[in-house]
Amino acid sequence: MTPQATRLIIHGRVQGVGYRAWLADRARREGHAGWVRNRREGTVEALIHAAPDSLAAFVEACRTGPPSARVTNIEVIGEPPAQGGIIAGDFAVLPTL
């Protein structure tokens, strides 16, 4: 199955509760590529590159997140397939934007 990329904007109590670390750890364990970062307005943004069936399950898990998080909404934004340089399991935690 051809991998696809999806950008997520996660709203709620998702900063200061280990959400980025949780998301990055889960993505690495599942062999996904991409990145995650906090945004100054209080959301968490992530780009996930994975097979469509695996990606759907990953997004559903993100609706809960770690125990201290309270996710109120996730915006799912389709992205064009990544062009080169993406290595399965290569997942970064980026600085706040």
C-alpha atoms as a PDB file:
ATOM      1  CA  MET A   1       0.000   0.000   0.000  1.00  0.00           C
ATOM      2  CA  THR A   2       1.356   3.430  -0.942  1.00  0.00           C
ATOM      3  CA  PRO A   3       2.154   5.610   2.066  1.00  0.00           C
ATOM      4  CA  GLN A   4       0.375   8.919   2.401  1.00  0.00           C
ATOM      5  CA  ALA A   5       1.103  12.050   4.382  1.00  0.00           C
ATOM      6  CA  THR A   6      -1.403  13.767   6.627  1.00  0.00           C
ATOM      7  CA  ARG A   7      -1.014  16.877   8.737  1.00  0.00           C
ATOM      8  CA  LEU A   8      -2.793  17.005  12.087  1.00  0.00           C
ATOM      9  CA  ILE A   9      -3.615  20.064  14.191  1.00  0.00           C
ATOM     10  CA  ILE A  10      -4.518  18.807  17.666  1.00  0.00           C
ATOM     11  CA  HIS A  11      -6.568  21.092  19.936  1.00  0.00           C
ATOM     12  CA  GLY A  12      -7.259  20.914  23.666  1.00  0.00           C
ATOM     13  CA  ARG A  13      -4.971  20.494  26.652  1.00  0.00           C
ATOM     14  CA  VAL A  14      -2.100  19.090  24.638  1.00  0.00           C
ATOM     15  CA  GLN A  15       0.900  21.160  25.727  1.00  0.00           C
ATOM     16  CA  GLY A  16       2.784  20.532  28.952  1.00  0.00           C
ATOM     17  CA  VAL A  17       1.268  17.048  29.297  1.00  0.00           C
ATOM     18  CA  GLY A  18       3.775  14.953  27.305  1.00  0.00           C
ATOM     19  CA  TYR A  19       1.665  14.866  24.145  1.00  0.00           C
ATOM     20  CA  ARG A  20       4.549  15.474  21.711  1.00  0.00           C
ATOM     21  CA  ALA A  21       6.713  12.797  23.316  1.00  0.00           C
ATOM     22  CA  TRP A  22       3.785  10.354  23.371  1.00  0.00           C
ATOM     23  CA  LEU A  23       2.979  10.995  19.693  1.00  0.00           C
ATOM     24  CA  ALA A  24       6.629  10.697  18.589  1.00  0.00           C
ATOM     25  CA  ASP A  25       7.145   7.478  20.569  1.00  0.00           C
ATOM     26  CA  ARG A  26       3.995   5.898  19.132  1.00  0.00           C
ATOM     27  CA  ALA A  27       4.907   6.968  15.578  1.00  0.00           C
ATOM     28  CA  ARG A  28       8.407   5.491  15.905  1.00  0.00           C
ATOM     29  CA  ARG A  29       7.067   2.215  17.337  1.00  0.00           C
ATOM     30  CA  GLU A  30       4.656   1.923  14.409  1.00  0.00           C
ATOM     31  CA  GLY A  31       7.369   2.757  11.852  1.00  0.00           C
ATOM     32  CA  HIS A  32       5.838   6.063  10.729  1.00  0.00           C
ATOM     33  CA  ALA A  33       7.912   8.973   9.500  1.00  0.00           C
ATOM     34  CA  GLY A  34       7.311  12.681  10.055  1.00  0.00           C
ATOM     35  CA  TRP A  35       7.469  15.244  12.832  1.00  0.00           C
ATOM     36  CA  VAL A  36       5.548  16.849  15.700  1.00  0.00           C
ATOM     37  CA  ARG A  37       5.792  20.318  17.290  1.00  0.00           C
ATOM     38  CA  ASN A  38       3.978  22.672  19.645  1.00  0.00           C
ATOM     39  CA  ARG A  39       2.492  25.838  18.173  1.00  0.00           C
ATOM     40  CA  ARG A  40       2.497  29.099  20.101  1.00  0.00           C
ATOM     41  CA  GLU A  41      -1.313  29.370  20.044  1.00  0.00           C
ATOM     42  CA  GLY A  42      -1.563  26.177  22.155  1.00  0.00           C
ATOM     43  CA  THR A  43      -2.104  23.420  19.586  1.00  0.00           C
ATOM     44  CA  VAL A  44       0.160  20.550  18.587  1.00  0.00           C
ATOM     45  CA  GLU A  45       0.901  20.052  14.888  1.00  0.00           C
ATOM     46  CA  ALA A  46       2.150  16.821  13.337  1.00  0.00           C
ATOM     47  CA  LEU A  47       2.951  15.485   9.887  1.00  0.00           C
ATOM     48  CA  ILE A  48       2.538  11.718   9.676  1.00  0.00           C
ATOM     49  CA  HIS A  49       3.684   9.607   6.720  1.00  0.00           C
ATOM     50  CA  ALA A  50       2.188   6.095   6.800  1.00  0.00           C
ATOM     51  CA  ALA A  51       0.063   3.522   4.968  1.00  0.00           C
ATOM     52  CA  PRO A  52      -3.610   4.643   4.832  1.00  0.00           C
ATOM     53  CA  ASP A  53      -4.992   1.876   7.095  1.00  0.00           C
ATOM     54  CA  SER A  54      -2.245   2.395   9.672  1.00  0.00           C
ATOM     55  CA  LEU A  55      -2.676   6.163   9.441  1.00  0.00           C
ATOM     56  CA  ALA A  56      -6.399   5.987  10.243  1.00  0.00           C
ATOM     57  CA  ALA A  57      -5.709   3.959  13.394  1.00  0.00           C
ATOM     58  CA  PHE A  58      -2.929   6.370  14.383  1.00  0.00           C
ATOM     59  CA  VAL A  59      -5.221   9.402  14.060  1.00  0.00           C
ATOM     60  CA  GLU A  60      -7.831   7.667  16.230  1.00  0.00           C
ATOM     61  CA  ALA A  61      -5.208   7.027  18.932  1.00  0.00           C
ATOM     62  CA  CYS A  62      -4.249  10.716  18.779  1.00  0.00           C
ATOM     63  CA  ARG A  63      -7.829  11.617  19.763  1.00  0.00           C
ATOM     64  CA  THR A  64      -6.991  10.284  23.235  1.00  0.00           C
ATOM     65  CA  GLY A  65      -3.227  10.843  23.571  1.00  0.00           C
ATOM     66  CA  PRO A  66      -1.391  10.390  26.875  1.00  0.00           C
ATOM     67  CA  PRO A  67      -3.318  10.196  30.177  1.00  0.00           C
ATOM     68  CA  SER A  68      -2.945  13.899  31.111  1.00  0.00           C
ATOM     69  CA  ALA A  69      -4.045  15.217  27.704  1.00  0.00           C
ATOM     70  CA  ARG A  70      -7.581  16.330  26.857  1.00  0.00           C
ATOM     71  CA  VAL A  71      -8.055  16.437  23.085  1.00  0.00           C
ATOM     72  CA  THR A  72     -11.069  18.485  22.011  1.00  0.00           C
ATOM     73  CA  ASN A  73     -10.575  18.388  18.232  1.00  0.00           C
ATOM     74  CA  ILE A  74      -8.200  17.175  15.534  1.00  0.00           C
ATOM     75  CA  GLU A  75      -8.047  18.885  12.171  1.00  0.00           C
ATOM     76  CA  VAL A  76      -6.945  16.318   9.565  1.00  0.00           C
ATOM     77  CA  ILE A  77      -5.404  17.988   6.542  1.00  0.00           C
ATOM     78  CA  GLY A  78      -4.442  15.815   3.566  1.00  0.00           C
ATOM     79  CA  GLU A  79      -0.964  16.445   2.224  1.00  0.00           C
ATOM     80  CA  PRO A  80       0.587  15.386  -1.074  1.00  0.00           C
ATOM     81  CA  PRO A  81       2.864  12.334  -0.824  1.00  0.00           C
ATOM     82  CA  ALA A  82       6.267  13.207   0.573  1.00  0.00           C
ATOM     83  CA  GLN A  83       9.042  13.584  -1.971  1.00  0.00           C
ATOM     84  CA  GLY A  84      12.190  11.657  -1.047  1.00  0.00           C
ATOM     85  CA  GLY A  85      14.133  11.880   2.196  1.00  0.00           C
ATOM     86  CA  ILE A  86      11.385  10.176   4.232  1.00  0.00           C
ATOM     87  CA  ILE A  87      12.657   7.095   6.020  1.00  0.00           C
ATOM     88  CA  ALA A  88      10.213   4.809   7.810  1.00  0.00           C
ATOM     89  CA  GLY A  89      10.542   5.290  11.554  1.00  0.00           C
ATOM     90  CA  ASP A  90      12.368   8.631  11.153  1.00  0.00           C
ATOM     91  CA  PHE A  91      10.251  10.841  13.379  1.00  0.00           C
ATOM     92  CA  ALA A  92      11.372  14.186  14.827  1.00  0.00           C
ATOM     93  CA  VAL A  93      10.201  16.461  17.631  1.00  0.00           C
ATOM     94  CA  LEU A  94      10.640  19.977  16.251  1.00  0.00           C
ATOM     95  CA  PRO A  95      10.929  23.292  18.118  1.00  0.00           C
ATOM     96  CA  THR A  96       7.800  25.330  18.809  1.00  0.00           C
ATOM     97  CA  LEU A  97       6.570  27.346  15.855  1.00  0.00           C
END
